[in-house]
C-alpha atoms as a PDB file:
ATOM      1  CA  MET A   1     170.325  -0.842 -47.202  1.00  0.00           C
ATOM      2  CA  SER A   2     171.113  -1.410 -50.850  1.00  0.00           C
ATOM      3  CA  THR A   3     169.639  -4.121 -53.016  1.00  0.00           C
ATOM      4  CA  ALA A   4     171.991  -7.018 -53.655  1.00  0.00           C
ATOM      5  CA  SER A   5     172.459  -8.037 -57.264  1.00  0.00           C
ATOM      6  CA  VAL A   6     170.988 -11.538 -57.387  1.00  0.00           C
ATOM      7  CA  ASN A   7     168.989 -12.234 -60.521  1.00  0.00           C
ATOM      8  CA  PHE A   8     165.888 -14.382 -60.285  1.00  0.00           C
ATOM      9  CA  LYS A   9     164.687 -16.108 -63.439  1.00  0.00           C
ATOM     10  CA  ALA A  10     161.205 -15.624 -64.846  1.00  0.00           C
ATOM     11  CA  ARG A  11     158.949 -18.606 -64.216  1.00  0.00           C
ATOM     12  CA  GLN A  12     158.384 -20.156 -67.644  1.00  0.00           C
ATOM     13  CA  SER A  13     157.348 -23.768 -67.123  1.00  0.00           C
ATOM     14  CA  ILE A  14     156.642 -26.366 -64.468  1.00  0.00           C
ATOM     15  CA  GLU A  15     159.673 -28.327 -65.649  1.00  0.00           C
ATOM     16  CA  GLN A  16     161.944 -25.281 -65.256  1.00  0.00           C
ATOM     17  CA  VAL A  17     160.616 -24.529 -61.751  1.00  0.00           C
ATOM     18  CA  GLU A  18     160.411 -28.084 -60.407  1.00  0.00           C
ATOM     19  CA  GLU A  19     163.243 -29.881 -62.224  1.00  0.00           C
ATOM     20  CA  GLY A  20     165.540 -27.149 -63.548  1.00  0.00           C
ATOM     21  CA  ASN A  21     168.541 -25.263 -62.220  1.00  0.00           C
ATOM     22  CA  ASP A  22     166.981 -21.778 -62.403  1.00  0.00           C
ATOM     23  CA  LEU A  23     166.196 -19.898 -59.209  1.00  0.00           C
ATOM     24  CA  ALA A  24     162.679 -18.687 -60.024  1.00  0.00           C
ATOM     25  CA  PRO A  25     160.999 -17.983 -56.672  1.00  0.00           C
ATOM     26  CA  LYS A  26     157.235 -17.536 -56.548  1.00  0.00           C
ATOM     27  CA  PHE A  27     156.396 -14.492 -54.470  1.00  0.00           C
ATOM     28  CA  ASP A  28     152.759 -14.066 -53.399  1.00  0.00           C
ATOM     29  CA  ASP A  29     150.470 -11.203 -54.419  1.00  0.00           C
ATOM     30  CA  ARG A  30     152.146  -9.012 -51.759  1.00  0.00           C
ATOM     31  CA  GLY A  31     155.595  -9.820 -53.139  1.00  0.00           C
ATOM     32  CA  LEU A  32     156.494 -12.166 -50.264  1.00  0.00           C
ATOM     33  CA  ILE A  33     157.727 -15.734 -49.920  1.00  0.00           C
ATOM     34  CA  THR A  34     157.436 -17.851 -46.749  1.00  0.00           C
ATOM     35  CA  VAL A  35     160.660 -18.709 -44.914  1.00  0.00           C
ATOM     36  CA  VAL A  36     161.128 -21.462 -42.335  1.00  0.00           C
ATOM     37  CA  THR A  37     164.300 -21.139 -40.248  1.00  0.00           C
ATOM     38  CA  THR A  38     165.900 -23.972 -38.287  1.00  0.00           C
ATOM     39  CA  ASP A  39     169.081 -24.412 -36.274  1.00  0.00           C
ATOM     40  CA  ALA A  40     171.650 -25.956 -38.628  1.00  0.00           C
ATOM     41  CA  THR A  41     173.085 -28.249 -35.946  1.00  0.00           C
ATOM     42  CA  SER A  42     170.098 -29.393 -33.903  1.00  0.00           C
ATOM     43  CA  GLY A  43     167.335 -29.032 -36.506  1.00  0.00           C
ATOM     44  CA  GLU A  44     165.228 -27.088 -33.979  1.00  0.00           C
ATOM     45  CA  LEU A  45     162.569 -24.887 -35.565  1.00  0.00           C
ATOM     46  CA  LEU A  46     163.505 -21.302 -34.688  1.00  0.00           C
ATOM     47  CA  MET A  47     161.074 -19.143 -36.613  1.00  0.00           C
ATOM     48  CA  GLN A  48     158.843 -18.662 -39.614  1.00  0.00           C
ATOM     49  CA  GLY A  49     158.905 -15.397 -41.492  1.00  0.00           C
ATOM     50  CA  TYR A  50     158.746 -13.807 -44.922  1.00  0.00           C
ATOM     51  CA  MET A  51     161.138 -12.389 -47.482  1.00  0.00           C
ATOM     52  CA  ASN A  52     160.569 -10.048 -50.362  1.00  0.00           C
ATOM     53  CA  ALA A  53     162.900 -10.122 -53.376  1.00  0.00           C
ATOM     54  CA  GLU A  54     165.334  -7.716 -51.724  1.00  0.00           C
ATOM     55  CA  ALA A  55     165.519  -9.737 -48.494  1.00  0.00           C
ATOM     56  CA  LEU A  56     166.102 -12.961 -50.425  1.00  0.00           C
ATOM     57  CA  SER A  57     168.766 -11.298 -52.568  1.00  0.00           C
ATOM     58  CA  LEU A  58     170.544  -9.889 -49.498  1.00  0.00           C
ATOM     59  CA  THR A  59     170.388 -13.231 -47.712  1.00  0.00           C
ATOM     60  CA  ILE A  60     171.954 -14.991 -50.700  1.00  0.00           C
ATOM     61  CA  ALA A  61     174.594 -12.290 -51.244  1.00  0.00           C
ATOM     62  CA  THR A  62     175.638 -11.779 -47.597  1.00  0.00           C
ATOM     63  CA  GLY A  63     175.130 -15.218 -46.075  1.00  0.00           C
ATOM     64  CA  GLU A  64     173.142 -13.631 -43.239  1.00  0.00           C
ATOM     65  CA  ALA A  65     169.360 -13.825 -42.880  1.00  0.00           C
ATOM     66  CA  HIS A  66     167.272 -10.847 -43.947  1.00  0.00           C
ATOM     67  CA  TYR A  67     163.492 -10.820 -43.684  1.00  0.00           C
ATOM     68  CA  PHE A  68     160.563  -8.588 -44.522  1.00  0.00           C
ATOM     69  CA  SER A  69     158.331  -7.672 -41.589  1.00  0.00           C
ATOM     70  CA  ARG A  70     154.672  -7.712 -42.586  1.00  0.00           C
ATOM     71  CA  SER A  71     153.638  -5.936 -39.371  1.00  0.00           C
ATOM     72  CA  ARG A  72     156.192  -3.117 -39.669  1.00  0.00           C
ATOM     73  CA  GLU A  73     156.371  -3.271 -43.480  1.00  0.00           C
ATOM     74  CA  VAL A  74     160.166  -2.998 -43.497  1.00  0.00           C
ATOM     75  CA  LEU A  75     163.152  -5.038 -44.538  1.00  0.00           C
ATOM     76  CA  TRP A  76     165.259  -6.175 -41.607  1.00  0.00           C
ATOM     77  CA  HIS A  77     168.638  -7.812 -41.116  1.00  0.00           C
ATOM     78  CA  LYS A  78     168.055 -10.415 -38.399  1.00  0.00           C
ATOM     79  CA  GLY A  79     170.218  -9.513 -35.425  1.00  0.00           C
ATOM     80  CA  ALA A  80     171.096  -5.974 -36.537  1.00  0.00           C
ATOM     81  CA  THR A  81     169.581  -4.587 -33.317  1.00  0.00           C
ATOM     82  CA  SER A  82     169.871  -7.555 -30.940  1.00  0.00           C
ATOM     83  CA  GLY A  83     173.213  -8.933 -32.102  1.00  0.00           C
ATOM     84  CA  PHE A  84     171.650 -12.390 -32.628  1.00  0.00           C
ATOM     85  CA  VAL A  85     172.646 -12.631 -36.291  1.00  0.00           C
ATOM     86  CA  GLN A  86     171.573 -15.707 -38.228  1.00  0.00           C
ATOM     87  CA  LYS A  87     174.505 -16.984 -40.323  1.00  0.00           C
ATOM     88  CA  VAL A  88     173.101 -19.051 -43.169  1.00  0.00           C
ATOM     89  CA  ARG A  89     174.709 -22.439 -43.446  1.00  0.00           C
ATOM     90  CA  GLU A  90     172.289 -23.675 -46.092  1.00  0.00           C
ATOM     91  CA  LEU A  91     169.451 -22.092 -48.081  1.00  0.00           C
ATOM     92  CA  LEU A  92     166.985 -24.494 -49.690  1.00  0.00           C
ATOM     93  CA  VAL A  93     163.974 -23.859 -51.880  1.00  0.00           C
ATOM     94  CA  ASP A  94     160.986 -26.211 -52.061  1.00  0.00           C
ATOM     95  CA  ASP A  95     159.831 -28.052 -55.197  1.00  0.00           C
ATOM     96  CA  ASP A  96     157.636 -25.291 -56.623  1.00  0.00           C
ATOM     97  CA  GLN A  97     159.897 -22.522 -55.263  1.00  0.00           C
ATOM     98  CA  ASP A  98     157.281 -20.809 -53.080  1.00  0.00           C
ATOM     99  CA  CYS A  99     158.952 -21.526 -49.730  1.00  0.00           C
ATOM    100  CA  ILE A 100     162.497 -21.036 -48.444  1.00  0.00           C
ATOM    101  CA  TRP A 101     164.175 -23.127 -45.720  1.00  0.00           C
ATOM    102  CA  LEU A 102     167.130 -21.527 -43.962  1.00  0.00           C
ATOM    103  CA  ARG A 103     169.457 -23.665 -41.875  1.00  0.00           C
ATOM    104  CA  VAL A 104     171.348 -21.204 -39.681  1.00  0.00           C
ATOM    105  CA  ASP A 105     173.840 -20.754 -36.878  1.00  0.00           C
ATOM    106  CA  VAL A 106     172.621 -18.103 -34.437  1.00  0.00           C
ATOM    107  CA  SER A 107     175.172 -15.934 -32.674  1.00  0.00           C
ATOM    108  CA  GLY A 108     173.935 -15.430 -29.115  1.00  0.00           C
ATOM    109  CA  GLY A 109     171.605 -18.406 -29.305  1.00  0.00           C
ATOM    110  CA  ALA A 110     168.215 -16.673 -29.662  1.00  0.00           C
ATOM    111  CA  SER A 111     165.915 -16.001 -32.594  1.00  0.00           C
ATOM    112  CA  CYS A 112     162.718 -14.785 -30.920  1.00  0.00           C
ATOM    113  CA  HIS A 113     162.180 -11.066 -30.246  1.00  0.00           C
ATOM    114  CA  VAL A 114     160.339 -12.054 -27.025  1.00  0.00           C
ATOM    115  CA  GLY A 115     163.634 -13.399 -25.652  1.00  0.00           C
ATOM    116  CA  TYR A 116     163.270 -17.144 -26.122  1.00  0.00           C
ATOM    117  CA  ARG A 117     165.600 -19.259 -28.249  1.00  0.00           C
ATOM    118  CA  SER A 118     162.779 -20.221 -30.644  1.00  0.00           C
ATOM    119  CA  CYS A 119     159.585 -18.397 -31.566  1.00  0.00           C
ATOM    120  CA  PHE A 120     157.780 -21.695 -30.934  1.00  0.00           C
ATOM    121  CA  TYR A 121     157.797 -21.772 -27.122  1.00  0.00           C
ATOM    122  CA  ARG A 122     154.184 -22.839 -26.458  1.00  0.00           C
ATOM    123  CA  ARG A 123     152.333 -25.996 -27.389  1.00  0.00           C
ATOM    124  CA  VAL A 124     148.637 -26.408 -28.213  1.00  0.00           C
ATOM    125  CA  PRO A 125     147.318 -29.577 -26.540  1.00  0.00           C
ATOM    126  CA  VAL A 126     146.011 -31.713 -29.401  1.00  0.00           C
ATOM    127  CA  GLY A 127     142.763 -33.536 -28.679  1.00  0.00           C
ATOM    128  CA  SER A 128     141.435 -30.734 -26.483  1.00  0.00           C
ATOM    129  CA  SER A 129     138.012 -29.162 -26.754  1.00  0.00           C
ATOM    130  CA  GLY A 130     136.349 -26.095 -25.296  1.00  0.00           C
ATOM    131  CA  ASP A 131     138.710 -23.448 -23.965  1.00  0.00           C
ATOM    132  CA  VAL A 132     142.247 -24.457 -24.915  1.00  0.00           C
ATOM    133  CA  GLU A 133     145.126 -23.364 -22.698  1.00  0.00           C
ATOM    134  CA  LEU A 134     148.623 -23.214 -24.153  1.00  0.00           C
ATOM    135  CA  GLU A 135     151.369 -25.296 -22.546  1.00  0.00           C
ATOM    136  CA  TRP A 136     154.820 -23.724 -22.164  1.00  0.00           C
ATOM    137  CA  THR A 137     157.688 -25.671 -23.734  1.00  0.00           C
ATOM    138  CA  ASP A 138     160.343 -23.099 -22.814  1.00  0.00           C
ATOM    139  CA  THR A 139     160.313 -20.898 -19.723  1.00  0.00           C
ATOM    140  CA  GLU A 140     163.882 -19.594 -19.744  1.00  0.00           C
ATOM    141  CA  LYS A 141     164.563 -16.505 -21.831  1.00  0.00           C
ATOM    142  CA  VAL A 142     167.947 -16.186 -23.502  1.00  0.00           C
ATOM    143  CA  PHE A 143     167.821 -12.390 -23.198  1.00  0.00           C
ATOM    144  CA  ASP A 144     165.676  -9.608 -21.767  1.00  0.00           C
ATOM    145  CA  PRO A 145     163.891  -7.871 -24.660  1.00  0.00           C
ATOM    146  CA  VAL A 146     163.614  -4.577 -22.731  1.00  0.00           C
ATOM    147  CA  GLU A 147     167.401  -4.480 -22.262  1.00  0.00           C
ATOM    148  CA  VAL A 148     168.008  -5.280 -25.938  1.00  0.00           C
ATOM    149  CA  TYR A 149     165.239  -3.286 -27.642  1.00  0.00           C
ATOM    150  CA  GLY A 150     164.287  -0.740 -24.978  1.00  0.00           C
ATOM    151  CA  ASP A 151     160.801  -0.369 -23.529  1.00  0.00           C
ATOM    152  CA  ALA A 152     159.168   0.510 -26.824  1.00  0.00           C
ATOM    153  CA  PRO A 153     156.020  -1.496 -27.325  1.00  0.00           C
ATOM    154  CA  ASN A 154     156.222  -4.564 -29.535  1.00  0.00           C
ATOM    155  CA  PRO A 155     155.691  -3.305 -33.103  1.00  0.00           C
ATOM    156  CA  THR A 156     153.680  -6.378 -34.075  1.00  0.00           C
ATOM    157  CA  LYS A 157     150.125  -5.496 -35.046  1.00  0.00           C
ATOM    158  CA  LEU A 158     147.407  -7.479 -33.298  1.00  0.00           C
END
């Protein structure tokens, strides 16, 4: 995958970053920026991930979401394997440019590698104490991950 040619500006002042027109993203010490992804129509939270400069450049240039996997340490085009491509309808940056918000349309209707529509399919009961048991908010998978990805173990590090 080649690097797209999007130029980010150097961060020179608070005024430039917070009130200016320059795209000057603040990547962390690992070269990553947090990304929150929601469904462009419903507003449903689909996933949270990270981008490095190349992933952000490719997302801007292609109009399709690209992320950087911290667990696998690779750039990935969302949906390249599964077919559930995230078409970017809107890309927003927060006030100090250290977080990206993608509003997307998802072909196939799923964004979670586990098979659910959203990566947020369990709720933590607020006000609990002691042993906390998660509550399921979604029990229907959109796809079978074994059929899509094969029976390779999940590459996410524990």
